[in-house]
PDB file of N, CA and C in Angstrom:
ATOM      1  N   MET A   1       5.654  -2.962   4.456  1.00  0.00           N
ATOM      2  CA  MET A   1       4.916  -1.865   3.941  1.00  0.00           C
ATOM      3  C   MET A   1       3.700  -1.691   4.818  1.00  0.00           C
ATOM      4  N   GLN A   2       3.389  -0.461   5.149  1.00  0.00           N
ATOM      5  CA  GLN A   2       2.150  -0.139   5.793  1.00  0.00           C
ATOM      6  C   GLN A   2       1.149   0.286   4.713  1.00  0.00           C
ATOM      7  N   LEU A   3       0.013  -0.344   4.621  1.00  0.00           N
ATOM      8  CA  LEU A   3      -0.921  -0.117   3.558  1.00  0.00           C
ATOM      9  C   LEU A   3      -2.303   0.313   4.154  1.00  0.00           C
ATOM     10  N   TYR A   4      -2.804   1.428   3.615  1.00  0.00           N
ATOM     11  CA  TYR A   4      -4.078   1.953   4.044  1.00  0.00           C
ATOM     12  C   TYR A   4      -5.004   1.962   2.838  1.00  0.00           C
ATOM     13  N   LEU A   5      -6.128   1.308   2.941  1.00  0.00           N
ATOM     14  CA  LEU A   5      -7.165   1.281   1.918  1.00  0.00           C
ATOM     15  C   LEU A   5      -8.432   1.907   2.467  1.00  0.00           C
ATOM     16  N   SER A   6      -9.095   2.747   1.632  1.00  0.00           N
ATOM     17  CA  SER A   6     -10.344   3.261   2.037  1.00  0.00           C
ATOM     18  C   SER A   6     -11.288   3.445   0.866  1.00  0.00           C
ATOM     19  N   SER A   7     -12.619   3.401   1.153  1.00  0.00           N
ATOM     20  CA  SER A   7     -13.617   3.557   0.157  1.00  0.00           C
ATOM     21  C   SER A   7     -14.946   3.789   0.845  1.00  0.00           C
ATOM     22  N   GLU A   8     -15.779   4.589   0.219  1.00  0.00           N
ATOM     23  CA  GLU A   8     -17.117   4.774   0.727  1.00  0.00           C
ATOM     24  C   GLU A   8     -17.997   3.539   0.461  1.00  0.00           C
ATOM     25  N   ASP A   9     -17.589   2.691  -0.423  1.00  0.00           N
ATOM     26  CA  ASP A   9     -18.302   1.482  -0.787  1.00  0.00           C
ATOM     27  C   ASP A   9     -17.690   0.258  -0.064  1.00  0.00           C
ATOM     28  N   PRO A  10     -18.395  -0.308   0.902  1.00  0.00           N
ATOM     29  CA  PRO A  10     -17.853  -1.464   1.675  1.00  0.00           C
ATOM     30  C   PRO A  10     -17.477  -2.659   0.785  1.00  0.00           C
ATOM     31  N   LYS A  11     -18.222  -2.832  -0.324  1.00  0.00           N
ATOM     32  CA  LYS A  11     -17.935  -3.944  -1.184  1.00  0.00           C
ATOM     33  C   LYS A  11     -16.564  -3.802  -1.888  1.00  0.00           C
ATOM     34  N   VAL A  12     -16.142  -2.591  -2.137  1.00  0.00           N
ATOM     35  CA  VAL A  12     -14.825  -2.300  -2.719  1.00  0.00           C
ATOM     36  C   VAL A  12     -13.744  -2.715  -1.718  1.00  0.00           C
ATOM     37  N   LEU A  13     -13.893  -2.418  -0.424  1.00  0.00           N
ATOM     38  CA  LEU A  13     -12.907  -2.812   0.569  1.00  0.00           C
ATOM     39  C   LEU A  13     -12.893  -4.311   0.710  1.00  0.00           C
ATOM     40  N   GLU A  14     -14.043  -4.943   0.701  1.00  0.00           N
ATOM     41  CA  GLU A  14     -14.078  -6.418   0.746  1.00  0.00           C
ATOM     42  C   GLU A  14     -13.352  -7.042  -0.431  1.00  0.00           C
ATOM     43  N   GLN A  15     -13.563  -6.489  -1.615  1.00  0.00           N
ATOM     44  CA  GLN A  15     -12.932  -6.982  -2.819  1.00  0.00           C
ATOM     45  C   GLN A  15     -11.412  -6.813  -2.708  1.00  0.00           C
ATOM     46  N   ALA A  16     -10.945  -5.725  -2.158  1.00  0.00           N
ATOM     47  CA  ALA A  16      -9.487  -5.501  -2.023  1.00  0.00           C
ATOM     48  C   ALA A  16      -8.891  -6.445  -1.009  1.00  0.00           C
ATOM     49  N   GLN A  17      -9.619  -6.638   0.088  1.00  0.00           N
ATOM     50  CA  GLN A  17      -9.158  -7.602   1.129  1.00  0.00           C
ATOM     51  C   GLN A  17      -9.089  -9.004   0.557  1.00  0.00           C
ATOM     52  N   ASP A  18     -10.140  -9.423  -0.131  1.00  0.00           N
ATOM     53  CA  ASP A  18     -10.163 -10.753  -0.792  1.00  0.00           C
ATOM     54  C   ASP A  18      -8.987 -10.924  -1.725  1.00  0.00           C
ATOM     55  N   TYR A  19      -8.685  -9.839  -2.493  1.00  0.00           N
ATOM     56  CA  TYR A  19      -7.559  -9.908  -3.393  1.00  0.00           C
ATOM     57  C   TYR A  19      -6.247 -10.132  -2.659  1.00  0.00           C
ATOM     58  N   LEU A  20      -6.068  -9.452  -1.553  1.00  0.00           N
ATOM     59  CA  LEU A  20      -4.843  -9.637  -0.750  1.00  0.00           C
ATOM     60  C   LEU A  20      -4.762 -11.087  -0.271  1.00  0.00           C
ATOM     61  N   GLN A  21      -5.884 -11.646   0.199  1.00  0.00           N
ATOM     62  CA  GLN A  21      -5.912 -12.979   0.746  1.00  0.00           C
ATOM     63  C   GLN A  21      -5.556 -14.011  -0.373  1.00  0.00           C
ATOM     64  N   LYS A  22      -6.050 -13.800  -1.556  1.00  0.00           N
ATOM     65  CA  LYS A  22      -5.824 -14.741  -2.674  1.00  0.00           C
ATOM     66  C   LYS A  22      -4.487 -14.577  -3.277  1.00  0.00           C
ATOM     67  N   THR A  23      -3.873 -13.387  -3.234  1.00  0.00           N
ATOM     68  CA  THR A  23      -2.636 -13.077  -3.916  1.00  0.00           C
ATOM     69  C   THR A  23      -1.408 -13.318  -3.008  1.00  0.00           C
ATOM     70  N   LEU A  24      -1.498 -13.003  -1.758  1.00  0.00           N
ATOM     71  CA  LEU A  24      -0.266 -13.044  -0.885  1.00  0.00           C
ATOM     72  C   LEU A  24      -0.230 -14.347  -0.104  1.00  0.00           C
ATOM     73  N   LYS A  25       0.955 -14.796   0.143  1.00  0.00           N
ATOM     74  CA  LYS A  25       1.172 -16.045   0.949  1.00  0.00           C
ATOM     75  C   LYS A  25       0.723 -15.767   2.376  1.00  0.00           C
ATOM     76  N   ALA A  26       0.296 -16.817   3.024  1.00  0.00           N
ATOM     77  CA  ALA A  26      -0.044 -16.724   4.457  1.00  0.00           C
ATOM     78  C   ALA A  26       1.196 -16.233   5.228  1.00  0.00           C
ATOM     79  N   GLY A  27       0.973 -15.323   6.084  1.00  0.00           N
ATOM     80  CA  GLY A  27       2.063 -14.762   6.899  1.00  0.00           C
ATOM     81  C   GLY A  27       2.728 -13.559   6.246  1.00  0.00           C
ATOM     82  N   ALA A  28       2.437 -13.263   4.979  1.00  0.00           N
ATOM     83  CA  ALA A  28       3.032 -12.118   4.303  1.00  0.00           C
ATOM     84  C   ALA A  28       2.270 -10.829   4.573  1.00  0.00           C
ATOM     85  N   TRP A  29       1.065 -10.939   5.144  1.00  0.00           N
ATOM     86  CA  TRP A  29       0.262  -9.759   5.479  1.00  0.00           C
ATOM     87  C   TRP A  29      -0.538  -9.975   6.712  1.00  0.00           C
ATOM     88  N   LYS A  30      -0.886  -8.865   7.330  1.00  0.00           N
ATOM     89  CA  LYS A  30      -1.691  -8.898   8.536  1.00  0.00           C
ATOM     90  C   LYS A  30      -2.562  -7.643   8.568  1.00  0.00           C
ATOM     91  N   GLN A  31      -3.868  -7.863   8.848  1.00  0.00           N
ATOM     92  CA  GLN A  31      -4.765  -6.733   8.928  1.00  0.00           C
ATOM     93  C   GLN A  31      -4.666  -6.174  10.359  1.00  0.00           C
ATOM     94  N   GLU A  32      -4.529  -4.833  10.470  1.00  0.00           N
ATOM     95  CA  GLU A  32      -4.442  -4.164  11.703  1.00  0.00           C
ATOM     96  C   GLU A  32      -5.883  -3.897  12.213  1.00  0.00           C
ATOM     97  N   GLU A  33      -5.958  -3.363  13.452  1.00  0.00           N
ATOM     98  CA  GLU A  33      -7.273  -3.044  14.017  1.00  0.00           C
ATOM     99  C   GLU A  33      -7.951  -1.990  13.108  1.00  0.00           C
ATOM    100  N   GLU A  34      -9.236  -2.201  12.887  1.00  0.00           N
ATOM    101  CA  GLU A  34      -9.995  -1.259  12.053  1.00  0.00           C
ATOM    102  C   GLU A  34     -10.218   0.019  12.752  1.00  0.00           C
ATOM    103  N   SER A  35      -9.848   1.127  12.080  1.00  0.00           N
ATOM    104  CA  SER A  35     -10.058   2.433  12.725  1.00  0.00           C
ATOM    105  C   SER A  35     -11.375   3.105  12.346  1.00  0.00           C
ATOM    106  N   ALA A  36     -11.926   2.624  11.192  1.00  0.00           N
ATOM    107  CA  ALA A  36     -13.205   3.219  10.678  1.00  0.00           C
ATOM    108  C   ALA A  36     -13.889   2.167   9.792  1.00  0.00           C
ATOM    109  N   VAL A  37     -15.143   2.274   9.589  1.00  0.00           N
ATOM    110  CA  VAL A  37     -15.939   1.354   8.765  1.00  0.00           C
ATOM    111  C   VAL A  37     -15.426   1.383   7.344  1.00  0.00           C
ATOM    112  N   ASN A  38     -14.992   2.555   6.871  1.00  0.00           N
ATOM    113  CA  ASN A  38     -14.621   2.730   5.445  1.00  0.00           C
ATOM    114  C   ASN A  38     -13.136   2.680   5.221  1.00  0.00           C
ATOM    115  N   ARG A  39     -12.404   2.131   6.198  1.00  0.00           N
ATOM    116  CA  ARG A  39     -10.917   2.135   6.049  1.00  0.00           C
ATOM    117  C   ARG A  39     -10.316   0.810   6.610  1.00  0.00           C
ATOM    118  N   ARG A  40      -9.326   0.302   5.973  1.00  0.00           N
ATOM    119  CA  ARG A  40      -8.609  -0.912   6.417  1.00  0.00           C
ATOM    120  C   ARG A  40      -7.090  -0.598   6.413  1.00  0.00           C
ATOM    121  N   THR A  41      -6.405  -1.182   7.399  1.00  0.00           N
ATOM    122  CA  THR A  41      -4.963  -1.003   7.504  1.00  0.00           C
ATOM    123  C   THR A  41      -4.316  -2.335   7.561  1.00  0.00           C
ATOM    124  N   PHE A  42      -3.223  -2.493   6.793  1.00  0.00           N
ATOM    125  CA  PHE A  42      -2.494  -3.741   6.698  1.00  0.00           C
ATOM    126  C   PHE A  42      -1.045  -3.539   6.837  1.00  0.00           C
ATOM    127  N   LYS A  43      -0.325  -4.543   7.404  1.00  0.00           N
ATOM    128  CA  LYS A  43       1.135  -4.582   7.328  1.00  0.00           C
ATOM    129  C   LYS A  43       1.424  -5.719   6.329  1.00  0.00           C
ATOM    130  N   ILE A  44       2.276  -5.405   5.349  1.00  0.00           N
ATOM    131  CA  ILE A  44       2.570  -6.371   4.303  1.00  0.00           C
ATOM    132  C   ILE A  44       4.099  -6.505   4.187  1.00  0.00           C
ATOM    133  N   ASN A  45       4.537  -7.722   4.190  1.00  0.00           N
ATOM    134  CA  ASN A  45       5.961  -8.030   4.149  1.00  0.00           C
ATOM    135  C   ASN A  45       6.344  -8.462   2.707  1.00  0.00           C
ATOM    136  N   LEU A  46       6.751  -7.533   1.870  1.00  0.00           N
ATOM    137  CA  LEU A  46       7.166  -7.822   0.503  1.00  0.00           C
ATOM    138  C   LEU A  46       8.379  -7.023   0.200  1.00  0.00           C
ATOM    139  N   GLN A  47       9.196  -7.490  -0.754  1.00  0.00           N
ATOM    140  CA  GLN A  47      10.322  -6.723  -1.247  1.00  0.00           C
ATOM    141  C   GLN A  47       9.743  -5.500  -2.023  1.00  0.00           C
ATOM    142  N   ASP A  48      10.608  -4.465  -2.211  1.00  0.00           N
ATOM    143  CA  ASP A  48      10.136  -3.223  -2.825  1.00  0.00           C
ATOM    144  C   ASP A  48       9.419  -3.405  -4.147  1.00  0.00           C
ATOM    145  N   GLU A  49      10.040  -4.119  -5.067  1.00  0.00           N
ATOM    146  CA  GLU A  49       9.411  -4.251  -6.417  1.00  0.00           C
ATOM    147  C   GLU A  49       8.094  -5.004  -6.353  1.00  0.00           C
ATOM    148  N   ALA A  50       8.020  -6.061  -5.510  1.00  0.00           N
ATOM    149  CA  ALA A  50       6.789  -6.825  -5.390  1.00  0.00           C
ATOM    150  C   ALA A  50       5.724  -5.945  -4.756  1.00  0.00           C
ATOM    151  N   ALA A  51       6.113  -5.115  -3.773  1.00  0.00           N
ATOM    152  CA  ALA A  51       5.156  -4.201  -3.127  1.00  0.00           C
ATOM    153  C   ALA A  51       4.616  -3.160  -4.116  1.00  0.00           C
ATOM    154  N   LYS A  52       5.501  -2.602  -4.921  1.00  0.00           N
ATOM    155  CA  LYS A  52       5.059  -1.656  -5.972  1.00  0.00           C
ATOM    156  C   LYS A  52       4.102  -2.308  -6.963  1.00  0.00           C
ATOM    157  N   GLU A  53       4.358  -3.543  -7.346  1.00  0.00           N
ATOM    158  CA  GLU A  53       3.465  -4.210  -8.278  1.00  0.00           C
ATOM    159  C   GLU A  53       2.134  -4.465  -7.640  1.00  0.00           C
ATOM    160  N   LEU A  54       2.129  -4.872  -6.358  1.00  0.00           N
ATOM    161  CA  LEU A  54       0.861  -5.078  -5.632  1.00  0.00           C
ATOM    162  C   LEU A  54       0.040  -3.754  -5.601  1.00  0.00           C
ATOM    163  N   LEU A  55       0.666  -2.641  -5.368  1.00  0.00           N
ATOM    164  CA  LEU A  55      -0.022  -1.387  -5.372  1.00  0.00           C
ATOM    165  C   LEU A  55      -0.635  -1.068  -6.678  1.00  0.00           C
ATOM    166  N   LYS A  56       0.057  -1.343  -7.776  1.00  0.00           N
ATOM    167  CA  LYS A  56      -0.467  -1.117  -9.131  1.00  0.00           C
ATOM    168  C   LYS A  56      -1.704  -1.992  -9.391  1.00  0.00           C
ATOM    169  N   ARG A  57      -1.637  -3.239  -8.938  1.00  0.00           N
ATOM    170  CA  ARG A  57      -2.773  -4.160  -9.142  1.00  0.00           C
ATOM    171  C   ARG A  57      -3.975  -3.685  -8.318  1.00  0.00           C
ATOM    172  N   LEU A  58      -3.730  -3.289  -7.069  1.00  0.00           N
ATOM    173  CA  LEU A  58      -4.847  -2.751  -6.242  1.00  0.00           C
ATOM    174  C   LEU A  58      -5.440  -1.512  -6.898  1.00  0.00           C
ATOM    175  N   LEU A  59      -4.629  -0.677  -7.436  1.00  0.00           N
ATOM    176  CA  LEU A  59      -5.109   0.533  -8.102  1.00  0.00           C
ATOM    177  C   LEU A  59      -6.111   0.184  -9.237  1.00  0.00           C
ATOM    178  N   SER A  60      -5.870  -0.888  -9.896  1.00  0.00           N
ATOM    179  CA  SER A  60      -6.739  -1.317 -11.029  1.00  0.00           C
ATOM    180  C   SER A  60      -8.003  -1.974 -10.575  1.00  0.00           C
ATOM    181  N   LEU A  61      -8.194  -2.342  -9.350  1.00  0.00           N
ATOM    182  CA  LEU A  61      -9.370  -3.034  -8.857  1.00  0.00           C
ATOM    183  C   LEU A  61     -10.653  -2.216  -8.954  1.00  0.00           C
ATOM    184  N   SER A  62     -10.569  -0.945  -8.578  1.00  0.00           N
ATOM    185  CA  SER A  62     -11.798  -0.122  -8.588  1.00  0.00           C
ATOM    186  C   SER A  62     -11.370   1.344  -8.532  1.00  0.00           C
ATOM    187  N   PRO A  63     -12.113   2.194  -9.262  1.00  0.00           N
ATOM    188  CA  PRO A  63     -11.803   3.635  -9.180  1.00  0.00           C
ATOM    189  C   PRO A  63     -12.333   4.218  -7.834  1.00  0.00           C
ATOM    190  N   LYS A  64     -13.057   3.434  -7.071  1.00  0.00           N
ATOM    191  CA  LYS A  64     -13.571   3.883  -5.768  1.00  0.00           C
ATOM    192  C   LYS A  64     -12.658   3.531  -4.627  1.00  0.00           C
ATOM    193  N   LEU A  65     -11.507   2.884  -4.912  1.00  0.00           N
ATOM    194  CA  LEU A  65     -10.592   2.459  -3.873  1.00  0.00           C
ATOM    195  C   LEU A  65      -9.476   3.486  -3.747  1.00  0.00           C
ATOM    196  N   ASP A  66      -9.343   4.079  -2.578  1.00  0.00           N
ATOM    197  CA  ASP A  66      -8.250   5.007  -2.312  1.00  0.00           C
ATOM    198  C   ASP A  66      -7.112   4.246  -1.602  1.00  0.00           C
ATOM    199  N   ILE A  67      -5.870   4.510  -2.020  1.00  0.00           N
ATOM    200  CA  ILE A  67      -4.716   3.770  -1.566  1.00  0.00           C
ATOM    201  C   ILE A  67      -3.704   4.743  -1.021  1.00  0.00           C
ATOM    202  N   GLN A  68      -3.122   4.336   0.128  1.00  0.00           N
ATOM    203  CA  GLN A  68      -1.962   5.047   0.706  1.00  0.00           C
ATOM    204  C   GLN A  68      -1.053   3.949   1.185  1.00  0.00           C
ATOM    205  N   ALA A  69       0.173   4.079   0.958  1.00  0.00           N
ATOM    206  CA  ALA A  69       1.180   3.068   1.417  1.00  0.00           C
ATOM    207  C   ALA A  69       2.509   3.702   1.734  1.00  0.00           C
ATOM    208  N   THR A  70       3.213   3.146   2.658  1.00  0.00           N
ATOM    209  CA  THR A  70       4.560   3.612   3.033  1.00  0.00           C
ATOM    210  C   THR A  70       5.463   2.376   3.079  1.00  0.00           C
ATOM    211  N   LEU A  71       6.542   2.503   2.267  1.00  0.00           N
ATOM    212  CA  LEU A  71       7.552   1.472   2.276  1.00  0.00           C
ATOM    213  C   LEU A  71       8.811   2.018   2.899  1.00  0.00           C
ATOM    214  N   ILE A  72       9.426   1.298   3.785  1.00  0.00           N
ATOM    215  CA  ILE A  72      10.713   1.684   4.426  1.00  0.00           C
ATOM    216  C   ILE A  72      11.687   0.595   4.137  1.00  0.00           C
ATOM    217  N   CYS A  73      12.863   0.999   3.639  1.00  0.00           N
ATOM    218  CA  CYS A  73      13.859   0.023   3.314  1.00  0.00           C
ATOM    219  C   CYS A  73      15.269   0.401   3.809  1.00  0.00           C
ATOM    220  N   ASP A  74      16.082  -0.515   4.148  1.00  0.00           N
ATOM    221  CA  ASP A  74      17.461  -0.305   4.528  1.00  0.00           C
ATOM    222  C   ASP A  74      18.290   0.029   3.302  1.00  0.00           C
ATOM    223  N   LEU A  75      19.095   1.067   3.358  1.00  0.00           N
ATOM    224  CA  LEU A  75      19.980   1.370   2.225  1.00  0.00           C
ATOM    225  C   LEU A  75      21.405   0.984   2.565  1.00  0.00           C
ATOM    226  N   GLU A  76      22.110   0.511   1.599  1.00  0.00           N
ATOM    227  CA  GLU A  76      23.519   0.200   1.679  1.00  0.00           C
ATOM    228  C   GLU A  76      23.850  -0.888   2.704  1.00  0.00           C
ATOM    229  N   GLY A  77      22.886  -1.673   3.107  1.00  0.00           N
ATOM    230  CA  GLY A  77      23.168  -2.767   4.017  1.00  0.00           C
ATOM    231  C   GLY A  77      23.743  -2.373   5.358  1.00  0.00           C
ATOM    232  N   ARG A  78      23.331  -1.226   5.884  1.00  0.00           N
ATOM    233  CA  ARG A  78      23.892  -0.722   7.087  1.00  0.00           C
ATOM    234  C   ARG A  78      23.075  -1.071   8.354  1.00  0.00           C
ATOM    235  N   ASP A  79      22.395  -2.173   8.271  1.00  0.00           N
ATOM    236  CA  ASP A  79      21.633  -2.675   9.445  1.00  0.00           C
ATOM    237  C   ASP A  79      20.690  -1.615   9.991  1.00  0.00           C
ATOM    238  N   HIS A  80      19.888  -1.021   9.100  1.00  0.00           N
ATOM    239  CA  HIS A  80      18.848  -0.074   9.406  1.00  0.00           C
ATOM    240  C   HIS A  80      19.359   1.258   9.957  1.00  0.00           C
ATOM    241  N   SER A  81      20.656   1.546   9.765  1.00  0.00           N
ATOM    242  CA  SER A  81      21.091   2.863  10.243  1.00  0.00           C
ATOM    243  C   SER A  81      20.886   3.935   9.177  1.00  0.00           C
ATOM    244  N   PHE A  82      20.746   3.565   7.894  1.00  0.00           N
ATOM    245  CA  PHE A  82      20.461   4.487   6.825  1.00  0.00           C
ATOM    246  C   PHE A  82      19.308   3.940   6.031  1.00  0.00           C
ATOM    247  N   TRP A  83      18.188   4.653   5.960  1.00  0.00           N
ATOM    248  CA  TRP A  83      16.965   4.075   5.359  1.00  0.00           C
ATOM    249  C   TRP A  83      16.320   5.085   4.400  1.00  0.00           C
ATOM    250  N   ARG A  84      15.408   4.541   3.575  1.00  0.00           N
ATOM    251  CA  ARG A  84      14.588   5.362   2.670  1.00  0.00           C
ATOM    252  C   ARG A  84      13.124   5.064   2.933  1.00  0.00           C
ATOM    253  N   SER A  85      12.360   6.078   2.946  1.00  0.00           N
ATOM    254  CA  SER A  85      10.904   5.922   3.098  1.00  0.00           C
ATOM    255  C   SER A  85      10.265   6.444   1.869  1.00  0.00           C
ATOM    256  N   THR A  86       9.349   5.663   1.262  1.00  0.00           N
ATOM    257  CA  THR A  86       8.598   6.067   0.070  1.00  0.00           C
ATOM    258  C   THR A  86       7.126   5.982   0.380  1.00  0.00           C
ATOM    259  N   HIS A  87       6.448   7.082   0.134  1.00  0.00           N
ATOM    260  CA  HIS A  87       5.011   7.176   0.381  1.00  0.00           C
ATOM    261  C   HIS A  87       4.248   7.219  -0.945  1.00  0.00           C
ATOM    262  N   TYR A  88       3.237   6.389  -1.095  1.00  0.00           N
ATOM    263  CA  TYR A  88       2.439   6.314  -2.291  1.00  0.00           C
ATOM    264  C   TYR A  88       1.007   6.701  -1.915  1.00  0.00           C
ATOM    265  N   GLN A  89       0.406   7.481  -2.824  1.00  0.00           N
ATOM    266  CA  GLN A  89      -0.956   7.961  -2.685  1.00  0.00           C
ATOM    267  C   GLN A  89      -1.668   7.838  -4.003  1.00  0.00           C
ATOM    268  N   SER A  90      -2.849   7.207  -4.062  1.00  0.00           N
ATOM    269  CA  SER A  90      -3.622   7.166  -5.327  1.00  0.00           C
ATOM    270  C   SER A  90      -4.116   8.546  -5.677  1.00  0.00           C
ATOM    271  N   ALA A  91      -4.159   8.830  -6.937  1.00  0.00           N
ATOM    272  CA  ALA A  91      -4.602  10.142  -7.409  1.00  0.00           C
ATOM    273  C   ALA A  91      -5.277   9.971  -8.796  1.00  0.00           C
ATOM    274  N   VAL A  92      -5.898  11.004  -9.322  1.00  0.00           N
ATOM    275  CA  VAL A  92      -6.498  10.977 -10.650  1.00  0.00           C
ATOM    276  C   VAL A  92      -5.929  12.164 -11.459  1.00  0.00           C
ATOM    277  N   ASP A  93      -5.489  11.897 -12.702  1.00  0.00           N
ATOM    278  CA  ASP A  93      -4.951  13.002 -13.504  1.00  0.00           C
ATOM    279  C   ASP A  93      -6.090  13.761 -14.160  1.00  0.00           C
ATOM    280  N   GLU A  94      -5.736  14.805 -14.976  1.00  0.00           N
ATOM    281  CA  GLU A  94      -6.710  15.678 -15.640  1.00  0.00           C
ATOM    282  C   GLU A  94      -7.617  14.930 -16.635  1.00  0.00           C
ATOM    283  N   ASN A  95      -7.107  13.744 -17.080  1.00  0.00           N
ATOM    284  CA  ASN A  95      -7.950  12.940 -18.019  1.00  0.00           C
ATOM    285  C   ASN A  95      -8.768  11.833 -17.310  1.00  0.00           C
ATOM    286  N   GLY A  96      -8.759  11.876 -15.978  1.00  0.00           N
ATOM    287  CA  GLY A  96      -9.527  10.879 -15.233  1.00  0.00           C
ATOM    288  C   GLY A  96      -8.803   9.569 -15.036  1.00  0.00           C
ATOM    289  N   LYS A  97      -7.574   9.460 -15.438  1.00  0.00           N
ATOM    290  CA  LYS A  97      -6.792   8.212 -15.247  1.00  0.00           C
ATOM    291  C   LYS A  97      -6.184   8.151 -13.877  1.00  0.00           C
ATOM    292  N   ARG A  98      -6.321   7.040 -13.225  1.00  0.00           N
ATOM    293  CA  ARG A  98      -5.805   6.832 -11.852  1.00  0.00           C
ATOM    294  C   ARG A  98      -4.293   6.478 -11.930  1.00  0.00           C
ATOM    295  N   TYR A  99      -3.561   6.987 -10.980  1.00  0.00           N
ATOM    296  CA  TYR A  99      -2.153   6.682 -10.872  1.00  0.00           C
ATOM    297  C   TYR A  99      -1.698   6.770  -9.428  1.00  0.00           C
ATOM    298  N   LEU A 100      -0.488   6.399  -9.136  1.00  0.00           N
ATOM    299  CA  LEU A 100       0.079   6.511  -7.754  1.00  0.00           C
ATOM    300  C   LEU A 100       1.119   7.629  -7.741  1.00  0.00           C
ATOM    301  N   GLU A 101       0.898   8.623  -6.905  1.00  0.00           N
ATOM    302  CA  GLU A 101       1.893   9.674  -6.657  1.00  0.00           C
ATOM    303  C   GLU A 101       2.866   9.084  -5.673  1.00  0.00           C
ATOM    304  N   ALA A 102       4.152   9.374  -5.851  1.00  0.00           N
ATOM    305  CA  ALA A 102       5.189   8.861  -4.959  1.00  0.00           C
ATOM    306  C   ALA A 102       6.060  10.005  -4.488  1.00  0.00           C
ATOM    307  N   SER A 103       6.451   9.902  -3.175  1.00  0.00           N
ATOM    308  CA  SER A 103       7.416  10.861  -2.638  1.00  0.00           C
ATOM    309  C   SER A 103       8.336  10.053  -1.725  1.00  0.00           C
ATOM    310  N   SER A 104       9.605  10.431  -1.691  1.00  0.00           N
ATOM    311  CA  SER A 104      10.608   9.675  -0.942  1.00  0.00           C
ATOM    312  C   SER A 104      11.399  10.605  -0.036  1.00  0.00           C
ATOM    313  N   SER A 105      11.909  10.053   1.024  1.00  0.00           N
ATOM    314  CA  SER A 105      12.867  10.725   1.885  1.00  0.00           C
ATOM    315  C   SER A 105      13.853   9.717   2.440  1.00  0.00           C
ATOM    316  N   THR A 106      14.987  10.154   2.841  1.00  0.00           N
ATOM    317  CA  THR A 106      16.013   9.301   3.403  1.00  0.00           C
ATOM    318  C   THR A 106      16.374   9.837   4.791  1.00  0.00           C
ATOM    319  N   GLY A 107      16.985   8.993   5.575  1.00  0.00           N
ATOM    320  CA  GLY A 107      17.377   9.402   6.905  1.00  0.00           C
ATOM    321  C   GLY A 107      18.327   8.365   7.539  1.00  0.00           C
ATOM    322  N   TRP A 108      18.821   8.614   8.643  1.00  0.00           N
ATOM    323  CA  TRP A 108      19.636   7.654   9.372  1.00  0.00           C
ATOM    324  C   TRP A 108      19.357   7.718  10.866  1.00  0.00           C
ATOM    325  N   ALA A 109      19.674   6.654  11.534  1.00  0.00           N
ATOM    326  CA  ALA A 109      19.401   6.506  12.973  1.00  0.00           C
ATOM    327  C   ALA A 109      20.550   7.076  13.761  1.00  0.00           C
TER     328      ALA A 109
END
């Protein structure tokens, strides 16, 4: 999973990064080069359900944390010739409740 976290509050980003360090096993995640002061990029190696659960927990950390993630998985065991990509984006509904919007696409090599 490619994970993008952003916030105008640097403490929120630190809290999210600390959460990843405490929650995930060593080697299951890697922080990429920082592209901006208010944004962090990670590569995370988790199965789909575990990745979705991690996104839900990150969503609950702070209303100031914006989340984007892309999961790519092999379909039908075809050795990456047929895949599905799911993109998640944090959003807020009309009642002010935060949730993750999801969109998917499939393709083949």
